[in-house]
Amino acid sequence: MTTPGNPESPDPSEEVVDTPRRSAPPGTEVPLSAPVKVLFEGRYRKLVRDLPQTIFYCPQCKGKGCEKCEGFGKLTRDSVQELIARVAMPRFKARRNKFHGAGREDLDVRMLGSGRPFVFEMLKARRPTISLQEVEDEINRRWEGRIEVRGLKICNRDRVVEIKETRCPKDYRAQIVFDQELSADDRADVAKRLDAVMAQGPLTLLQQTPQRVAHRRTDMARERWVRLLEHEPTADGWSVSIRSEHGTYIKEAISSDGERTQPSLSSLLDRACRCVELDVLGILPADVGPEVDLPAGGEA
C-alpha cells in the first residue's frame, strides 16, 4: 500500500538497493545521494487492538476527506505502516513508502509471538546507508507498548514475492462467549465436548466467504483445516487455542457466520458462541501440516 496522494507504481528508473555500501554510526550525518529505492525486512509485533496493518483509508472518499471520516481521509489515525514510516522515512530522506506483509490480521486482533514478517519499501531515498539497528531501536522506543519490530535488515525485491506468497499455518488464542448464560452442568458439557474435539485432531471446515468481507472478496466456498490445541474456562466464557491453515477465518470458524462455516465451534458445542478477542500467537513454518504436534505458538 502506498502513502496517500502518491502513485501505486514506482518510477522504473529508480535503482533498487540490495545491500548497503556502508552503515553509518548512530548520530553520524550521512551525505545525500541520488534518489534510490531501499527495502528492508523484519518482523513486527502488534501489542494493541484497533490498529490496522496498513493505512486504513475511508472507503467512502478513498482518502480525499468527507463527512464520514470528518475530513481526515482515514478511519484510524495510525497503522503499523505509518508508525514505522514516521521513524524510517526522515532518516532515509525518502519520499514515499509501501508496506508488504505476510498476510494481515484484522484491525482488532493483536499480533504476538515472534511477529509477522514484512518488507518496508522506501522510494526515492537519499540516505540509503542509515543504520537499521538505530531505526529498530527508535521504533521500539517511540512506540513502546503499541508495536515492536525485530531483525531489520536490507533485502531485495524478491523477498516481497516470497513473503506475500508463502502460505503458513497460524496459531491463535480466542476468547469466546456464549449467547446464553451457562449453568454448572452446561460448563461441564462444554468442557467434555471440547475435550472430544481436541482428541479428534484436525478437522476440515467448509467456509463460505464471510458476510463481513463478501463486498470485497469472491463469494466462494473454501476447505480449510483447523485443530483445537488447548481450552480453558474463564469467568465470562472460554479461552481456546486453535491452529489453522492459511486463509482460515477464525472468527467465523467459531460463530458459524449464519452456518456459512460448517462445522463450527458453535455447532460442535451445540451452543451459539462467538469470538470477542483474538490474538495471533505465532506464524508457523509453511511445511507444518495438521498432523504435526507443536505446542500452541510453537514457531520456528
Protein backbone atom coordinates (compact mmCIF):
# COMPACT_ATOMS: atom_id res chain seq x y z
CA MET A 1 0.00 0.00 0.00
CA THR A 2 1.27 3.45 -0.86
CA THR A 3 1.01 6.52 1.30
CA PRO A 4 -1.86 8.96 0.49
CA GLY A 5 -1.66 11.04 -2.63
CA ASN A 6 1.12 9.00 -4.26
CA PRO A 7 1.06 6.72 -7.33
CA GLU A 8 0.84 2.97 -6.86
CA SER A 9 3.65 2.24 -9.34
CA PRO A 10 7.26 3.22 -8.55
CA ASP A 11 9.38 5.09 -11.04
CA PRO A 12 11.03 2.40 -13.22
CA SER A 13 14.23 4.48 -13.38
CA GLU A 14 14.81 4.17 -9.64
CA GLU A 15 17.65 1.89 -8.62
CA VAL A 16 16.99 -0.94 -6.14
CA VAL A 17 19.46 -1.00 -3.23
CA ASP A 18 20.05 -4.67 -2.34
CA THR A 19 22.85 -4.17 0.20
CA PRO A 20 24.27 -1.02 1.77
CA ARG A 21 27.80 0.00 0.86
CA ARG A 22 28.38 1.15 4.41
CA SER A 23 26.45 1.68 7.61
CA ALA A 24 26.81 5.00 9.38
CA PRO A 25 27.25 5.01 13.18
CA PRO A 26 24.32 6.45 15.16
CA GLY A 27 24.36 10.24 15.18
CA THR A 28 26.67 10.50 12.14
CA GLU A 29 25.47 12.84 9.40
CA VAL A 30 25.25 10.90 6.13
CA PRO A 31 25.61 12.85 2.87
CA LEU A 32 22.67 12.85 0.47
CA SER A 33 22.88 10.61 -2.59
CA ALA A 34 20.90 10.34 -5.80
CA PRO A 35 17.37 9.03 -5.06
CA VAL A 36 17.27 5.24 -4.84
CA LYS A 37 14.87 2.54 -3.71
CA VAL A 38 15.58 0.86 -0.36
CA LEU A 39 13.82 -2.23 1.01
CA PHE A 40 14.27 -3.71 4.45
CA GLU A 41 12.59 -6.70 6.05
CA GLY A 42 11.87 -7.80 9.59
CA ARG A 43 9.01 -8.88 11.83
CA TYR A 44 6.50 -6.75 13.67
CA ARG A 45 4.50 -7.44 16.81
CA LYS A 46 1.26 -5.54 17.30
CA LEU A 47 0.57 -5.25 21.01
CA VAL A 48 -2.71 -3.31 20.90
CA ARG A 49 -6.08 -3.67 19.23
CA ASP A 50 -7.74 -1.19 16.87
CA LEU A 51 -4.52 -0.67 14.89
CA PRO A 52 -4.55 -1.76 11.23
CA GLN A 53 -1.50 -3.11 9.49
CA THR A 54 -1.61 -0.58 6.65
CA ILE A 55 -3.22 2.81 6.12
CA PHE A 56 -6.98 2.45 6.64
CA TYR A 57 -8.43 4.80 4.04
CA CYS A 58 -12.05 5.86 4.31
CA PRO A 59 -13.98 3.56 1.91
CA GLN A 60 -16.36 6.38 1.00
CA CYS A 61 -13.90 9.07 -0.10
CA LYS A 62 -10.78 6.92 -0.74
CA GLY A 63 -8.57 9.24 1.28
CA LYS A 64 -9.81 12.58 -0.04
CA GLY A 65 -11.74 13.53 3.10
CA CYS A 66 -15.50 13.51 3.61
CA GLU A 67 -18.21 13.74 6.26
CA LYS A 68 -17.89 10.05 7.16
CA CYS A 69 -14.21 10.41 8.12
CA GLU A 70 -14.60 14.02 9.31
CA GLY A 71 -12.30 15.20 6.53
CA PHE A 72 -9.43 13.05 7.77
CA GLY A 73 -9.38 10.66 4.78
CA LYS A 74 -8.70 7.68 7.08
CA LEU A 75 -10.74 5.72 9.60
CA THR A 76 -7.84 5.31 12.04
CA ARG A 77 -5.14 7.83 12.84
CA ASP A 78 -2.33 5.29 12.89
CA SER A 79 -1.30 1.96 11.38
CA VAL A 80 1.73 -0.31 11.72
CA GLN A 81 2.90 1.04 8.36
CA GLU A 82 2.65 4.66 9.49
CA LEU A 83 4.33 4.09 12.86
CA ILE A 84 7.32 2.51 11.12
CA ALA A 85 7.32 5.23 8.46
CA ARG A 86 7.45 8.07 10.99
CA VAL A 87 10.79 6.78 12.19
CA ALA A 88 12.32 5.36 8.99
CA MET A 89 11.31 7.91 6.36
CA PRO A 90 13.02 11.03 7.83
CA ARG A 91 16.22 9.08 8.48
CA PHE A 92 16.42 7.73 4.94
CA LYS A 93 15.17 11.03 3.48
CA ALA A 94 12.64 9.01 1.46
CA ARG A 95 9.63 10.39 -0.41
CA ARG A 96 7.14 7.52 -0.38
CA ASN A 97 6.74 4.05 1.11
CA LYS A 98 4.97 0.76 0.61
CA PHE A 99 4.29 -1.95 3.18
CA HIS A 100 4.28 -5.64 2.22
CA GLY A 101 3.09 -8.06 4.90
CA ALA A 102 2.98 -11.85 5.07
CA GLY A 103 -0.79 -11.70 5.28
CA ARG A 104 -2.54 -9.44 7.76
CA GLU A 105 -4.52 -9.68 10.96
CA ASP A 106 -7.82 -7.85 11.46
CA LEU A 107 -7.69 -4.37 12.92
CA ASP A 108 -8.90 -5.61 16.34
CA VAL A 109 -6.51 -8.60 16.51
CA ARG A 110 -3.13 -8.49 18.23
CA MET A 111 -0.05 -9.99 16.54
CA LEU A 112 2.04 -11.63 19.27
CA GLY A 113 4.68 -14.38 19.34
CA SER A 114 7.80 -13.58 17.30
CA GLY A 115 5.81 -11.33 14.98
CA ARG A 116 4.68 -11.20 11.36
CA PRO A 117 7.24 -10.96 8.53
CA PHE A 118 7.11 -7.79 6.44
CA VAL A 119 9.06 -5.78 3.88
CA PHE A 120 9.11 -1.99 4.10
CA GLU A 121 9.85 -0.35 0.76
CA MET A 122 11.04 3.26 0.52
CA LEU A 123 11.08 5.15 -2.75
CA LYS A 124 13.47 7.97 -3.65
CA ALA A 125 15.56 7.55 -0.52
CA ARG A 126 18.52 9.95 -0.41
CA ARG A 127 20.28 8.44 2.61
CA PRO A 128 20.28 4.69 1.82
CA THR A 129 23.04 3.72 4.27
CA ILE A 130 21.38 4.56 7.59
CA SER A 131 21.88 2.03 10.39
CA LEU A 132 18.84 -0.25 10.60
CA GLN A 133 19.71 -1.12 14.19
CA GLU A 134 19.25 2.55 15.04
CA VAL A 135 15.91 2.57 13.22
CA GLU A 136 14.79 -0.59 15.02
CA ASP A 137 15.78 0.77 18.42
CA GLU A 138 13.97 4.06 17.84
CA ILE A 139 10.76 2.40 16.59
CA ASN A 140 10.69 0.21 19.69
CA ARG A 141 11.43 3.15 21.99
CA ARG A 142 8.96 5.58 20.44
CA TRP A 143 6.06 3.15 20.07
CA GLU A 144 6.68 1.07 23.21
CA GLY A 145 3.53 -0.83 24.18
CA ARG A 146 2.00 -0.42 20.71
CA ILE A 147 4.30 -2.15 18.23
CA GLU A 148 7.72 -3.80 18.25
CA VAL A 149 9.96 -4.63 15.29
CA ARG A 150 12.88 -7.02 15.24
CA GLY A 151 15.55 -8.33 12.90
CA LEU A 152 15.54 -5.40 10.46
CA LYS A 153 17.89 -5.96 7.52
CA ILE A 154 18.25 -4.79 3.94
CA CYS A 155 16.60 -7.09 1.39
CA ASN A 156 15.83 -7.16 -2.31
CA ARG A 157 12.57 -7.12 -4.25
CA ASP A 158 12.44 -10.93 -4.44
CA ARG A 159 11.65 -11.03 -0.72
CA VAL A 160 8.37 -9.21 -1.33
CA VAL A 161 7.14 -12.06 -3.52
CA GLU A 162 8.45 -14.73 -1.13
CA ILE A 163 6.83 -13.16 1.93
CA LYS A 164 3.47 -12.48 0.26
CA GLU A 165 3.18 -15.88 -1.45
CA THR A 166 4.33 -18.18 1.38
CA ARG A 167 1.32 -19.93 2.92
CA CYS A 168 1.92 -20.50 6.62
CA PRO A 169 -0.34 -22.08 9.26
CA LYS A 170 -1.02 -19.90 12.30
CA ASP A 171 -1.78 -20.35 15.97
CA TYR A 172 -4.49 -18.26 17.61
CA ARG A 173 -5.92 -17.69 21.06
CA ALA A 174 -9.60 -16.76 21.09
CA GLN A 175 -11.74 -15.56 23.96
CA ILE A 176 -15.28 -16.78 23.34
CA VAL A 177 -18.60 -16.03 24.97
CA PHE A 178 -21.91 -17.85 24.71
CA ASP A 179 -25.21 -16.30 23.71
CA GLN A 180 -26.88 -17.86 26.74
CA GLU A 181 -25.54 -18.00 30.28
CA LEU A 182 -24.02 -21.35 31.15
CA SER A 183 -25.06 -23.32 34.22
CA ALA A 184 -22.61 -25.57 36.04
CA ASP A 185 -23.94 -28.54 34.07
CA ASP A 186 -23.60 -26.58 30.82
CA ARG A 187 -19.98 -25.75 31.57
CA ALA A 188 -19.22 -29.38 32.30
CA ASP A 189 -20.80 -30.35 28.99
CA VAL A 190 -18.82 -27.70 27.09
CA ALA A 191 -15.57 -28.96 28.64
CA LYS A 192 -16.44 -32.55 27.68
CA ARG A 193 -17.26 -31.56 24.09
CA LEU A 194 -14.05 -29.52 23.76
CA ASP A 195 -12.02 -32.48 25.04
CA ALA A 196 -13.65 -34.60 22.35
CA VAL A 197 -12.81 -32.05 19.65
CA MET A 198 -9.17 -31.99 20.82
CA ALA A 199 -8.98 -35.77 20.80
CA GLN A 200 -10.35 -35.86 17.27
CA GLY A 201 -7.34 -33.94 15.93
CA PRO A 202 -7.54 -31.87 12.73
CA LEU A 203 -10.96 -31.00 11.34
CA THR A 204 -11.80 -29.96 7.80
CA LEU A 205 -14.08 -26.95 7.53
CA LEU A 206 -16.01 -25.70 4.53
CA GLN A 207 -16.07 -21.91 4.71
CA GLN A 208 -18.18 -19.70 2.52
CA THR A 209 -16.75 -16.19 2.21
CA PRO A 210 -17.79 -14.40 5.42
CA GLN A 211 -20.54 -11.83 5.19
CA ARG A 212 -18.26 -9.14 6.66
CA VAL A 213 -15.83 -9.34 3.71
CA ALA A 214 -18.17 -10.51 0.94
CA HIS A 215 -18.26 -6.98 -0.53
CA ARG A 216 -14.54 -7.18 -1.40
CA ARG A 217 -13.86 -10.93 -1.75
CA THR A 218 -15.17 -13.51 -4.20
CA ASP A 219 -18.13 -15.31 -2.66
CA MET A 220 -16.99 -18.93 -2.76
CA ALA A 221 -16.55 -21.98 -0.55
CA ARG A 222 -13.06 -22.90 0.71
CA GLU A 223 -11.84 -26.01 2.50
CA ARG A 224 -9.56 -25.31 5.45
CA TRP A 225 -8.16 -27.48 8.25
CA VAL A 226 -8.22 -26.42 11.89
CA ARG A 227 -7.08 -28.09 15.10
CA LEU A 228 -8.06 -27.31 18.69
CA LEU A 229 -4.88 -27.27 20.80
CA GLU A 230 -5.96 -26.11 24.26
CA HIS A 231 -9.01 -24.84 26.10
CA GLU A 232 -9.68 -23.31 29.49
CA PRO A 233 -12.81 -21.89 31.13
CA THR A 234 -12.83 -18.20 32.03
CA ALA A 235 -15.12 -16.07 34.15
CA ASP A 236 -17.10 -14.89 31.11
CA GLY A 237 -16.80 -17.84 28.75
CA TRP A 238 -13.89 -19.87 27.42
CA SER A 239 -10.36 -19.44 26.09
CA VAL A 240 -9.38 -21.69 23.18
CA SER A 241 -6.11 -22.08 21.28
CA ILE A 242 -6.52 -23.03 17.63
CA ARG A 243 -4.07 -23.93 14.86
CA SER A 244 -5.35 -23.37 11.35
CA GLU A 245 -4.43 -23.47 7.71
CA HIS A 246 -3.51 -20.23 5.97
CA GLY A 247 -6.61 -18.30 4.95
CA THR A 248 -8.95 -19.65 7.63
CA TYR A 249 -11.48 -17.17 9.01
CA ILE A 250 -11.15 -17.91 12.72
CA LYS A 251 -14.00 -15.74 13.99
CA GLU A 252 -16.40 -17.46 11.61
CA ALA A 253 -14.97 -20.88 12.46
CA ILE A 254 -16.22 -20.15 15.97
CA SER A 255 -19.59 -18.49 15.32
CA SER A 256 -20.51 -20.31 12.05
CA ASP A 257 -21.40 -16.94 10.45
CA GLY A 258 -25.02 -17.94 9.94
CA GLU A 259 -23.99 -21.52 9.05
CA ARG A 260 -21.68 -20.29 6.28
CA THR A 261 -18.89 -22.24 8.03
CA GLN A 262 -19.52 -25.95 8.65
CA PRO A 263 -18.75 -27.39 11.07
CA SER A 264 -18.09 -24.56 13.50
CA LEU A 265 -17.28 -24.46 17.18
CA SER A 266 -20.87 -23.39 17.79
CA SER A 267 -22.21 -26.48 16.03
CA LEU A 268 -19.71 -28.80 17.71
CA LEU A 269 -20.67 -27.46 21.15
CA ASP A 270 -24.36 -27.32 20.24
CA ARG A 271 -24.41 -23.77 21.63
CA ALA A 272 -24.19 -20.41 19.90
CA CYS A 273 -20.88 -18.73 20.73
CA ARG A 274 -18.72 -16.01 19.25
CA CYS A 275 -15.19 -14.65 19.47
CA VAL A 276 -14.81 -11.40 21.42
CA GLU A 277 -10.99 -11.19 21.44
CA LEU A 278 -8.46 -12.80 19.12
CA ASP A 279 -4.66 -12.93 19.20
CA VAL A 280 -2.23 -14.43 16.71
CA LEU A 281 0.19 -16.44 18.85
CA GLY A 282 2.52 -17.48 16.08
CA ILE A 283 3.12 -17.88 12.36
CA LEU A 284 4.41 -21.39 11.77
CA PRO A 285 6.75 -22.74 9.10
CA ALA A 286 5.00 -23.38 5.79
CA ASP A 287 5.67 -27.13 5.99
CA VAL A 288 3.81 -27.61 9.30
CA GLY A 289 0.77 -29.71 8.48
CA PRO A 290 -2.34 -30.51 10.51
CA GLU A 291 -0.83 -33.69 11.99
CA VAL A 292 2.38 -32.08 13.29
CA ASP A 293 2.46 -31.84 17.09
CA LEU A 294 3.75 -28.50 18.34
CA PRO A 295 2.69 -26.55 21.43
CA ALA A 296 0.48 -23.52 20.84
CA GLY A 297 2.62 -20.70 19.46
CA GLY A 298 5.36 -23.21 18.52
CA GLU A 299 7.03 -21.09 15.89
CA ALA A 300 10.20 -21.86 14.01
